[in-house]
PDB file of N, CA and C in Angstrom:
ATOM      1  N   UNK A   1     -21.983   6.340 -12.678  1.00  0.00           N
ATOM      2  CA  UNK A   1     -21.695   5.561 -11.855  1.00  0.00           C
ATOM      3  C   UNK A   1     -20.584   6.150 -10.761  1.00  0.00           C
ATOM      4  N   UNK A   2     -19.406   6.378 -11.463  1.00  0.00           N
ATOM      5  CA  UNK A   2     -18.440   6.686 -10.490  1.00  0.00           C
ATOM      6  C   UNK A   2     -18.558   8.187  -9.972  1.00  0.00           C
ATOM      7  N   UNK A   3     -19.406   9.201 -10.498  1.00  0.00           N
ATOM      8  CA  UNK A   3     -19.841  10.197  -9.972  1.00  0.00           C
ATOM      9  C   UNK A   3     -20.743  10.171  -8.896  1.00  0.00           C
ATOM     10  N   UNK A   4     -21.193   9.128  -8.877  1.00  0.00           N
ATOM     11  CA  UNK A   4     -22.231   8.746  -7.627  1.00  0.00           C
ATOM     12  C   UNK A   4     -21.495   8.425  -6.539  1.00  0.00           C
ATOM     13  N   UNK A   5     -20.139   7.951  -6.555  1.00  0.00           N
ATOM     14  CA  UNK A   5     -19.474   7.087  -5.430  1.00  0.00           C
ATOM     15  C   UNK A   5     -18.765   8.354  -4.674  1.00  0.00           C
ATOM     16  N   UNK A   6     -18.603   8.185  -3.450  1.00  0.00           N
ATOM     17  CA  UNK A   6     -17.827   9.100  -2.490  1.00  0.00           C
ATOM     18  C   UNK A   6     -16.882   8.380  -1.545  1.00  0.00           C
ATOM     19  N   UNK A   7     -15.891   9.023  -0.917  1.00  0.00           N
ATOM     20  CA  UNK A   7     -15.113   8.481   0.126  1.00  0.00           C
ATOM     21  C   UNK A   7     -16.056   8.077   1.114  1.00  0.00           C
ATOM     22  N   UNK A   8     -17.166   8.725   1.411  1.00  0.00           N
ATOM     23  CA  UNK A   8     -18.077   8.211   2.525  1.00  0.00           C
ATOM     24  C   UNK A   8     -18.864   7.112   2.092  1.00  0.00           C
ATOM     25  N   UNK A   9     -18.675   6.405   1.326  1.00  0.00           N
ATOM     26  CA  UNK A   9     -19.299   5.099   0.946  1.00  0.00           C
ATOM     27  C   UNK A   9     -18.334   4.040   1.365  1.00  0.00           C
ATOM     28  N   UNK A  10     -17.127   4.266   2.185  1.00  0.00           N
ATOM     29  CA  UNK A  10     -16.504   3.254   3.005  1.00  0.00           C
ATOM     30  C   UNK A  10     -16.974   3.396   4.476  1.00  0.00           C
ATOM     31  N   UNK A  11     -17.239   2.109   4.814  1.00  0.00           N
ATOM     32  CA  UNK A  11     -17.530   2.026   6.158  1.00  0.00           C
ATOM     33  C   UNK A  11     -16.525   1.276   7.115  1.00  0.00           C
ATOM     34  N   UNK A  12     -16.383   1.732   8.163  1.00  0.00           N
ATOM     35  CA  UNK A  12     -15.436   1.191   9.171  1.00  0.00           C
ATOM     36  C   UNK A  12     -15.940   0.800  10.427  1.00  0.00           C
ATOM     37  N   UNK A  13     -16.035  -0.321  10.872  1.00  0.00           N
ATOM     38  CA  UNK A  13     -16.708  -1.092  11.836  1.00  0.00           C
ATOM     39  C   UNK A  13     -15.827  -1.755  12.679  1.00  0.00           C
ATOM     40  N   UNK A  14     -15.900  -1.688  13.844  1.00  0.00           N
ATOM     41  CA  UNK A  14     -14.936  -2.220  14.991  1.00  0.00           C
ATOM     42  C   UNK A  14     -15.716  -2.867  15.964  1.00  0.00           C
ATOM     43  N   UNK A  15     -15.025  -3.965  16.205  1.00  0.00           N
ATOM     44  CA  UNK A  15     -15.451  -4.848  17.468  1.00  0.00           C
ATOM     45  C   UNK A  15     -14.477  -5.321  18.386  1.00  0.00           C
ATOM     46  N   UNK A  16     -14.700  -5.438  19.636  1.00  0.00           N
ATOM     47  CA  UNK A  16     -13.740  -6.267  20.475  1.00  0.00           C
ATOM     48  C   UNK A  16     -13.797  -7.739  20.248  1.00  0.00           C
ATOM     49  N   UNK A  17     -12.661  -8.332  20.207  1.00  0.00           N
ATOM     50  CA  UNK A  17     -12.375  -9.553  19.586  1.00  0.00           C
ATOM     51  C   UNK A  17     -12.568 -10.574  21.048  1.00  0.00           C
ATOM     52  N   UNK A  18     -12.501  -9.875  22.359  1.00  0.00           N
ATOM     53  CA  UNK A  18     -12.464 -10.756  23.483  1.00  0.00           C
ATOM     54  C   UNK A  18     -11.112 -11.129  23.931  1.00  0.00           C
ATOM     55  N   UNK A  19     -10.043 -10.899  23.197  1.00  0.00           N
ATOM     56  CA  UNK A  19      -8.602 -11.242  23.368  1.00  0.00           C
ATOM     57  C   UNK A  19      -8.055  -9.996  24.066  1.00  0.00           C
ATOM     58  N   UNK A  20      -7.277 -10.257  25.121  1.00  0.00           N
ATOM     59  CA  UNK A  20      -6.271  -9.217  25.693  1.00  0.00           C
ATOM     60  C   UNK A  20      -4.925  -9.540  25.289  1.00  0.00           C
ATOM     61  N   UNK A  21      -4.209  -8.459  24.967  1.00  0.00           N
ATOM     62  CA  UNK A  21      -2.729  -8.634  24.626  1.00  0.00           C
ATOM     63  C   UNK A  21      -1.940  -7.642  25.484  1.00  0.00           C
ATOM     64  N   UNK A  22      -0.603  -7.824  25.364  1.00  0.00           N
ATOM     65  CA  UNK A  22       0.406  -6.936  26.110  1.00  0.00           C
ATOM     66  C   UNK A  22      -0.003  -5.427  25.960  1.00  0.00           C
ATOM     67  N   UNK A  23      -0.836  -4.878  25.043  1.00  0.00           N
ATOM     68  CA  UNK A  23      -1.023  -3.463  24.901  1.00  0.00           C
ATOM     69  C   UNK A  23      -2.247  -3.288  24.971  1.00  0.00           C
ATOM     70  N   UNK A  24      -2.994  -4.166  25.705  1.00  0.00           N
ATOM     71  CA  UNK A  24      -4.609  -3.815  25.791  1.00  0.00           C
ATOM     72  C   UNK A  24      -5.431  -4.784  25.172  1.00  0.00           C
ATOM     73  N   UNK A  25      -6.814  -4.259  24.906  1.00  0.00           N
ATOM     74  CA  UNK A  25      -7.772  -5.013  24.443  1.00  0.00           C
ATOM     75  C   UNK A  25      -7.706  -5.115  22.964  1.00  0.00           C
ATOM     76  N   UNK A  26      -7.814  -6.398  22.346  1.00  0.00           N
ATOM     77  CA  UNK A  26      -7.789  -6.486  20.917  1.00  0.00           C
ATOM     78  C   UNK A  26      -9.019  -6.156  20.243  1.00  0.00           C
ATOM     79  N   UNK A  27      -8.944  -5.437  19.344  1.00  0.00           N
ATOM     80  CA  UNK A  27     -10.157  -4.809  18.303  1.00  0.00           C
ATOM     81  C   UNK A  27      -9.961  -5.361  16.962  1.00  0.00           C
ATOM     82  N   UNK A  28     -10.881  -5.820  16.182  1.00  0.00           N
ATOM     83  CA  UNK A  28     -11.115  -6.071  14.967  1.00  0.00           C
ATOM     84  C   UNK A  28     -11.628  -4.821  14.012  1.00  0.00           C
ATOM     85  N   UNK A  29     -10.945  -4.567  12.990  1.00  0.00           N
ATOM     86  CA  UNK A  29     -11.401  -3.323  12.246  1.00  0.00           C
ATOM     87  C   UNK A  29     -11.761  -4.002  10.648  1.00  0.00           C
ATOM     88  N   UNK A  30     -13.085  -3.482  10.363  1.00  0.00           N
ATOM     89  CA  UNK A  30     -13.439  -3.882   8.969  1.00  0.00           C
ATOM     90  C   UNK A  30     -13.728  -2.697   8.117  1.00  0.00           C
ATOM     91  N   UNK A  31     -13.056  -2.705   7.151  1.00  0.00           N
ATOM     92  CA  UNK A  31     -13.195  -1.586   6.185  1.00  0.00           C
ATOM     93  C   UNK A  31     -13.772  -1.941   4.756  1.00  0.00           C
ATOM     94  N   UNK A  32     -14.888  -1.528   4.660  1.00  0.00           N
ATOM     95  CA  UNK A  32     -15.711  -2.016   3.593  1.00  0.00           C
ATOM     96  C   UNK A  32     -16.100  -0.917   2.756  1.00  0.00           C
ATOM     97  N   UNK A  33     -16.020  -1.226   1.257  1.00  0.00           N
ATOM     98  CA  UNK A  33     -16.435  -0.268   0.280  1.00  0.00           C
ATOM     99  C   UNK A  33     -17.870  -0.583  -0.265  1.00  0.00           C
ATOM    100  N   UNK A  34     -18.842   0.683  -0.059  1.00  0.00           N
ATOM    101  CA  UNK A  34     -20.252   0.084  -0.348  1.00  0.00           C
ATOM    102  C   UNK A  34     -20.566   0.918  -1.733  1.00  0.00           C
ATOM    103  N   UNK A  35     -19.597   0.861  -2.532  1.00  0.00           N
ATOM    104  CA  UNK A  35     -19.664   1.374  -3.918  1.00  0.00           C
ATOM    105  C   UNK A  35     -19.471   0.530  -4.815  1.00  0.00           C
ATOM    106  N   UNK A  36     -19.914   0.428  -6.398  1.00  0.00           N
ATOM    107  CA  UNK A  36     -19.726  -0.351  -7.071  1.00  0.00           C
ATOM    108  C   UNK A  36     -18.384  -0.107  -7.838  1.00  0.00           C
ATOM    109  N   UNK A  37     -17.924   1.196  -7.478  1.00  0.00           N
ATOM    110  CA  UNK A  37     -16.521   1.484  -8.171  1.00  0.00           C
ATOM    111  C   UNK A  37     -15.340   1.244  -7.015  1.00  0.00           C
ATOM    112  N   UNK A  38     -14.102   0.621  -7.537  1.00  0.00           N
ATOM    113  CA  UNK A  38     -13.153   0.467  -6.663  1.00  0.00           C
ATOM    114  C   UNK A  38     -12.585   1.756  -6.112  1.00  0.00           C
ATOM    115  N   UNK A  39     -12.312   1.981  -4.803  1.00  0.00           N
ATOM    116  CA  UNK A  39     -11.610   2.981  -4.202  1.00  0.00           C
ATOM    117  C   UNK A  39     -10.171   2.601  -3.675  1.00  0.00           C
ATOM    118  N   UNK A  40      -9.142   3.401  -4.503  1.00  0.00           N
ATOM    119  CA  UNK A  40      -7.869   3.219  -4.266  1.00  0.00           C
ATOM    120  C   UNK A  40      -7.158   4.309  -3.164  1.00  0.00           C
ATOM    121  N   UNK A  41      -6.064   4.194  -3.087  1.00  0.00           N
ATOM    122  CA  UNK A  41      -5.307   5.260  -1.966  1.00  0.00           C
ATOM    123  C   UNK A  41      -6.247   5.756  -0.799  1.00  0.00           C
ATOM    124  N   UNK A  42      -6.843   4.682  -0.370  1.00  0.00           N
ATOM    125  CA  UNK A  42      -7.760   5.116   0.989  1.00  0.00           C
ATOM    126  C   UNK A  42      -7.075   5.758   2.022  1.00  0.00           C
ATOM    127  N   UNK A  43      -7.324   7.067   2.473  1.00  0.00           N
ATOM    128  CA  UNK A  43      -6.528   7.477   3.822  1.00  0.00           C
ATOM    129  C   UNK A  43      -7.600   7.842   4.739  1.00  0.00           C
ATOM    130  N   UNK A  44      -7.355   7.437   5.859  1.00  0.00           N
ATOM    131  CA  UNK A  44      -8.275   7.461   7.019  1.00  0.00           C
ATOM    132  C   UNK A  44      -7.731   8.336   8.080  1.00  0.00           C
ATOM    133  N   UNK A  45      -8.554   8.828   8.746  1.00  0.00           N
ATOM    134  CA  UNK A  45      -8.023   9.586   9.903  1.00  0.00           C
ATOM    135  C   UNK A  45      -7.889   8.442  10.909  1.00  0.00           C
ATOM    136  N   UNK A  46      -6.760   8.359  11.857  1.00  0.00           N
ATOM    137  CA  UNK A  46      -6.483   7.523  12.804  1.00  0.00           C
ATOM    138  C   UNK A  46      -5.685   8.151  13.752  1.00  0.00           C
ATOM    139  N   UNK A  47      -6.382   9.023  14.503  1.00  0.00           N
ATOM    140  CA  UNK A  47      -5.628   9.710  15.592  1.00  0.00           C
ATOM    141  C   UNK A  47      -5.259   8.711  16.594  1.00  0.00           C
ATOM    142  N   UNK A  48      -4.181   8.852  17.360  1.00  0.00           N
ATOM    143  CA  UNK A  48      -3.758   7.784  18.376  1.00  0.00           C
ATOM    144  C   UNK A  48      -3.454   6.449  18.054  1.00  0.00           C
ATOM    145  N   UNK A  49      -3.424   6.111  16.733  1.00  0.00           N
ATOM    146  CA  UNK A  49      -3.086   4.871  16.177  1.00  0.00           C
ATOM    147  C   UNK A  49      -1.524   4.627  16.428  1.00  0.00           C
ATOM    148  N   UNK A  50      -1.251   3.856  17.348  1.00  0.00           N
ATOM    149  CA  UNK A  50       0.235   3.499  17.693  1.00  0.00           C
ATOM    150  C   UNK A  50      -0.093   2.141  18.452  1.00  0.00           C
ATOM    151  N   UNK A  51      -0.132   1.172  17.636  1.00  0.00           N
ATOM    152  CA  UNK A  51      -0.460  -0.057  18.471  1.00  0.00           C
ATOM    153  C   UNK A  51       0.309  -0.882  19.584  1.00  0.00           C
ATOM    154  N   UNK A  52       1.654  -0.311  19.617  1.00  0.00           N
ATOM    155  CA  UNK A  52       2.664  -1.035  20.388  1.00  0.00           C
ATOM    156  C   UNK A  52       3.161  -2.139  19.646  1.00  0.00           C
ATOM    157  N   UNK A  53       2.489  -2.939  19.330  1.00  0.00           N
ATOM    158  CA  UNK A  53       2.678  -4.278  18.591  1.00  0.00           C
ATOM    159  C   UNK A  53       3.064  -3.489  17.096  1.00  0.00           C
ATOM    160  N   UNK A  54       3.818  -4.297  16.316  1.00  0.00           N
ATOM    161  CA  UNK A  54       4.184  -3.767  14.869  1.00  0.00           C
ATOM    162  C   UNK A  54       2.730  -3.994  14.293  1.00  0.00           C
ATOM    163  N   UNK A  55       2.331  -2.905  13.630  1.00  0.00           N
ATOM    164  CA  UNK A  55       1.268  -3.303  12.594  1.00  0.00           C
ATOM    165  C   UNK A  55       1.482  -3.948  11.357  1.00  0.00           C
ATOM    166  N   UNK A  56       0.502  -4.574  10.914  1.00  0.00           N
ATOM    167  CA  UNK A  56       0.710  -5.237   9.463  1.00  0.00           C
ATOM    168  C   UNK A  56       0.688  -4.006   8.497  1.00  0.00           C
ATOM    169  N   UNK A  57       1.851  -3.607   7.973  1.00  0.00           N
ATOM    170  CA  UNK A  57       1.595  -2.257   6.880  1.00  0.00           C
ATOM    171  C   UNK A  57       0.835  -2.686   5.753  1.00  0.00           C
ATOM    172  N   UNK A  58       0.514  -3.931   5.460  1.00  0.00           N
ATOM    173  CA  UNK A  58      -0.021  -4.256   4.219  1.00  0.00           C
ATOM    174  C   UNK A  58      -1.593  -3.683   4.292  1.00  0.00           C
ATOM    175  N   UNK A  59      -2.178  -3.822   5.860  1.00  0.00           N
ATOM    176  CA  UNK A  59      -3.546  -3.319   5.765  1.00  0.00           C
ATOM    177  C   UNK A  59      -3.574  -1.937   6.170  1.00  0.00           C
ATOM    178  N   UNK A  60      -2.744  -1.582   7.206  1.00  0.00           N
ATOM    179  CA  UNK A  60      -2.980  -0.129   7.744  1.00  0.00           C
ATOM    180  C   UNK A  60      -1.218   0.322   7.948  1.00  0.00           C
ATOM    181  N   UNK A  61      -1.101   1.631   7.380  1.00  0.00           N
ATOM    182  CA  UNK A  61       0.245   2.187   7.432  1.00  0.00           C
ATOM    183  C   UNK A  61       0.183   3.577   7.954  1.00  0.00           C
ATOM    184  N   UNK A  62       0.731   3.723   9.093  1.00  0.00           N
ATOM    185  CA  UNK A  62       0.697   5.172   9.656  1.00  0.00           C
ATOM    186  C   UNK A  62       1.456   6.188   8.704  1.00  0.00           C
ATOM    187  N   UNK A  63       0.782   7.233   8.276  1.00  0.00           N
ATOM    188  CA  UNK A  63       1.378   8.301   7.412  1.00  0.00           C
ATOM    189  C   UNK A  63       1.998   9.386   8.098  1.00  0.00           C
ATOM    190  N   UNK A  64       1.362   9.607   9.355  1.00  0.00           N
ATOM    191  CA  UNK A  64       1.783  10.958  10.042  1.00  0.00           C
ATOM    192  C   UNK A  64       0.724  11.671  10.377  1.00  0.00           C
ATOM    193  N   UNK A  65       0.439  12.693  11.072  1.00  0.00           N
ATOM    194  CA  UNK A  65      -0.522  13.809  11.248  1.00  0.00           C
ATOM    195  C   UNK A  65      -1.807  13.050  11.435  1.00  0.00           C
ATOM    196  N   UNK A  66      -1.736  11.728  12.128  1.00  0.00           N
ATOM    197  CA  UNK A  66      -3.041  11.331  12.508  1.00  0.00           C
ATOM    198  C   UNK A  66      -3.707  10.356  11.198  1.00  0.00           C
ATOM    199  N   UNK A  67      -3.052  10.377  10.283  1.00  0.00           N
ATOM    200  CA  UNK A  67      -3.806   9.738   9.092  1.00  0.00           C
ATOM    201  C   UNK A  67      -2.766   8.381   8.985  1.00  0.00           C
ATOM    202  N   UNK A  68      -3.737   7.369   8.130  1.00  0.00           N
ATOM    203  CA  UNK A  68      -3.177   6.196   7.800  1.00  0.00           C
ATOM    204  C   UNK A  68      -3.688   5.623   6.422  1.00  0.00           C
ATOM    205  N   UNK A  69      -2.897   4.856   5.766  1.00  0.00           N
ATOM    206  CA  UNK A  69      -3.088   4.477   4.452  1.00  0.00           C
ATOM    207  C   UNK A  69      -3.709   2.825   4.683  1.00  0.00           C
ATOM    208  N   UNK A  70      -4.816   2.811   3.912  1.00  0.00           N
ATOM    209  CA  UNK A  70      -5.284   1.144   4.069  1.00  0.00           C
ATOM    210  C   UNK A  70      -4.906   0.506   2.787  1.00  0.00           C
ATOM    211  N   UNK A  71      -4.634  -0.741   2.935  1.00  0.00           N
ATOM    212  CA  UNK A  71      -4.488  -1.609   2.197  1.00  0.00           C
ATOM    213  C   UNK A  71      -3.284  -1.542   1.055  1.00  0.00           C
ATOM    214  N   UNK A  72      -2.242  -0.728   1.642  1.00  0.00           N
ATOM    215  CA  UNK A  72      -1.071  -0.161   0.810  1.00  0.00           C
ATOM    216  C   UNK A  72      -1.481   0.568  -0.449  1.00  0.00           C
ATOM    217  N   UNK A  73      -2.752   1.131  -0.174  1.00  0.00           N
ATOM    218  CA  UNK A  73      -3.043   2.123  -1.527  1.00  0.00           C
ATOM    219  C   UNK A  73      -3.948   1.326  -2.646  1.00  0.00           C
ATOM    220  N   UNK A  74      -3.792  -0.037  -2.419  1.00  0.00           N
ATOM    221  CA  UNK A  74      -4.680  -0.723  -3.425  1.00  0.00           C
ATOM    222  C   UNK A  74      -5.981  -0.535  -3.467  1.00  0.00           C
ATOM    223  N   UNK A  75      -6.618  -1.250  -4.468  1.00  0.00           N
ATOM    224  CA  UNK A  75      -8.005  -1.073  -4.536  1.00  0.00           C
ATOM    225  C   UNK A  75      -8.805  -1.847  -3.253  1.00  0.00           C
ATOM    226  N   UNK A  76      -9.978  -1.105  -2.967  1.00  0.00           N
ATOM    227  CA  UNK A  76     -10.895  -1.689  -2.130  1.00  0.00           C
ATOM    228  C   UNK A  76     -11.998  -1.907  -2.719  1.00  0.00           C
ATOM    229  N   UNK A  77     -12.311  -3.114  -2.996  1.00  0.00           N
ATOM    230  CA  UNK A  77     -13.613  -3.345  -3.816  1.00  0.00           C
ATOM    231  C   UNK A  77     -14.879  -3.738  -2.933  1.00  0.00           C
ATOM    232  N   UNK A  78     -16.199  -3.374  -3.466  1.00  0.00           N
ATOM    233  CA  UNK A  78     -17.371  -4.019  -2.889  1.00  0.00           C
ATOM    234  C   UNK A  78     -17.230  -5.441  -2.595  1.00  0.00           C
ATOM    235  N   UNK A  79     -17.565  -6.093  -1.503  1.00  0.00           N
ATOM    236  CA  UNK A  79     -17.658  -7.279  -1.398  1.00  0.00           C
ATOM    237  C   UNK A  79     -16.339  -7.899  -0.773  1.00  0.00           C
ATOM    238  N   UNK A  80     -15.271  -7.248  -0.848  1.00  0.00           N
ATOM    239  CA  UNK A  80     -14.154  -7.782  -0.195  1.00  0.00           C
ATOM    240  C   UNK A  80     -13.383  -6.851   0.587  1.00  0.00           C
ATOM    241  N   UNK A  81     -13.803  -6.981   2.045  1.00  0.00           N
ATOM    242  CA  UNK A  81     -13.369  -5.861   2.979  1.00  0.00           C
ATOM    243  C   UNK A  81     -11.911  -6.183   3.364  1.00  0.00           C
ATOM    244  N   UNK A  82     -11.421  -5.153   3.810  1.00  0.00           N
ATOM    245  CA  UNK A  82     -10.116  -5.299   4.403  1.00  0.00           C
ATOM    246  C   UNK A  82     -10.286  -5.327   5.846  1.00  0.00           C
ATOM    247  N   UNK A  83      -9.466  -6.270   6.574  1.00  0.00           N
ATOM    248  CA  UNK A  83      -9.564  -6.556   7.949  1.00  0.00           C
ATOM    249  C   UNK A  83      -8.141  -6.659   8.630  1.00  0.00           C
ATOM    250  N   UNK A  84      -8.107  -5.989   9.641  1.00  0.00           N
ATOM    251  CA  UNK A  84      -7.009  -5.721  10.529  1.00  0.00           C
ATOM    252  C   UNK A  84      -7.619  -5.676  12.128  1.00  0.00           C
ATOM    253  N   UNK A  85      -6.498  -5.888  12.647  1.00  0.00           N
ATOM    254  CA  UNK A  85      -6.644  -5.983  14.349  1.00  0.00           C
ATOM    255  C   UNK A  85      -5.450  -5.159  14.962  1.00  0.00           C
ATOM    256  N   UNK A  86      -5.775  -4.421  16.064  1.00  0.00           N
ATOM    257  CA  UNK A  86      -5.191  -3.729  16.940  1.00  0.00           C
ATOM    258  C   UNK A  86      -5.235  -3.830  18.338  1.00  0.00           C
ATOM    259  N   UNK A  87      -4.314  -3.499  19.183  1.00  0.00           N
ATOM    260  CA  UNK A  87      -4.552  -3.515  20.792  1.00  0.00           C
ATOM    261  C   UNK A  87      -4.429  -2.262  21.229  1.00  0.00           C
ATOM    262  N   UNK A  88      -5.194  -1.818  22.039  1.00  0.00           N
ATOM    263  CA  UNK A  88      -5.238  -0.454  22.820  1.00  0.00           C
ATOM    264  C   UNK A  88      -5.993  -0.470  23.805  1.00  0.00           C
ATOM    265  N   UNK A  89      -5.918   0.450  25.035  1.00  0.00           N
ATOM    266  CA  UNK A  89      -6.659   0.356  26.203  1.00  0.00           C
ATOM    267  C   UNK A  89      -7.936   0.983  25.798  1.00  0.00           C
ATOM    268  N   UNK A  90      -8.015   1.477  24.750  1.00  0.00           N
ATOM    269  CA  UNK A  90      -9.368   2.331  24.225  1.00  0.00           C
ATOM    270  C   UNK A  90      -9.773   2.045  22.867  1.00  0.00           C
ATOM    271  N   UNK A  91     -10.819   2.173  22.377  1.00  0.00           N
ATOM    272  CA  UNK A  91     -11.199   1.880  21.065  1.00  0.00           C
ATOM    273  C   UNK A  91     -10.790   3.316  20.326  1.00  0.00           C
ATOM    274  N   UNK A  92     -10.156   3.303  19.260  1.00  0.00           N
ATOM    275  CA  UNK A  92      -9.825   4.303  18.500  1.00  0.00           C
ATOM    276  C   UNK A  92     -10.817   4.931  17.544  1.00  0.00           C
ATOM    277  N   UNK A  93     -10.877   6.010  17.272  1.00  0.00           N
ATOM    278  CA  UNK A  93     -11.616   6.624  16.278  1.00  0.00           C
ATOM    279  C   UNK A  93     -11.097   6.547  14.741  1.00  0.00           C
ATOM    280  N   UNK A  94     -11.624   5.848  13.770  1.00  0.00           N
ATOM    281  CA  UNK A  94     -11.157   5.519  12.317  1.00  0.00           C
ATOM    282  C   UNK A  94     -12.294   6.396  11.545  1.00  0.00           C
ATOM    283  N   UNK A  95     -11.810   7.316  10.632  1.00  0.00           N
ATOM    284  CA  UNK A  95     -13.027   8.025   9.727  1.00  0.00           C
ATOM    285  C   UNK A  95     -12.194   8.105   8.271  1.00  0.00           C
ATOM    286  N   UNK A  96     -13.075   7.882   7.150  1.00  0.00           N
ATOM    287  CA  UNK A  96     -12.460   7.980   6.089  1.00  0.00           C
ATOM    288  C   UNK A  96     -12.257   9.296   5.616  1.00  0.00           C
ATOM    289  N   UNK A  97     -11.184   9.615   4.919  1.00  0.00           N
ATOM    290  CA  UNK A  97     -10.751  11.013   4.771  1.00  0.00           C
ATOM    291  C   UNK A  97     -10.866  11.206   3.004  1.00  0.00           C
ATOM    292  N   UNK A  98      -9.860  10.524   2.400  1.00  0.00           N
ATOM    293  CA  UNK A  98      -9.638  10.780   0.904  1.00  0.00           C
ATOM    294  C   UNK A  98      -9.427   9.399   0.175  1.00  0.00           C
ATOM    295  N   UNK A  99      -9.888   9.386  -1.045  1.00  0.00           N
ATOM    296  CA  UNK A  99      -9.827   8.186  -1.912  1.00  0.00           C
ATOM    297  C   UNK A  99      -9.822   8.368  -3.312  1.00  0.00           C
ATOM    298  N   UNK A 100      -9.028   7.786  -4.083  1.00  0.00           N
ATOM    299  CA  UNK A 100      -9.311   7.813  -5.497  1.00  0.00           C
ATOM    300  C   UNK A 100     -10.308   6.693  -6.155  1.00  0.00           C
ATOM    301  N   UNK A 101     -11.096   7.401  -6.459  1.00  0.00           N
ATOM    302  CA  UNK A 101     -12.414   6.587  -6.977  1.00  0.00           C
ATOM    303  C   UNK A 101     -12.247   6.229  -8.554  1.00  0.00           C
ATOM    304  N   UNK A 102     -12.341   4.857  -8.914  1.00  0.00           N
ATOM    305  CA  UNK A 102     -12.311   4.542 -10.213  1.00  0.00           C
ATOM    306  C   UNK A 102     -13.205   3.455 -10.649  1.00  0.00           C
ATOM    307  N   UNK A 103     -14.007   3.739 -11.749  1.00  0.00           N
ATOM    308  CA  UNK A 103     -15.114   2.831 -12.352  1.00  0.00           C
ATOM    309  C   UNK A 103     -14.531   2.235 -13.362  1.00  0.00           C
TER     310      UNK A 103
END
């Protein structure tokens, strides 16, 4: 079970919400786990993430060096996506990097 799960089982989908804020276009980000095992301590690449408006650090927290921690390191479970929003003039690239997979 867990041996078959990988950090790459995390999907990150973004879409424009249609709202404009003081720091640019608002984007919704949905982080989903497509594996039956929980993934903890998910670190994603988030180069350029500096939303201007204070981010909600429960869902995304800048670690530095272009990395961010998702969901305060708590489990991301299949069927229960993590959703957050940011404002930017351009859509940013978020990529899963590492996680602690537990079954």
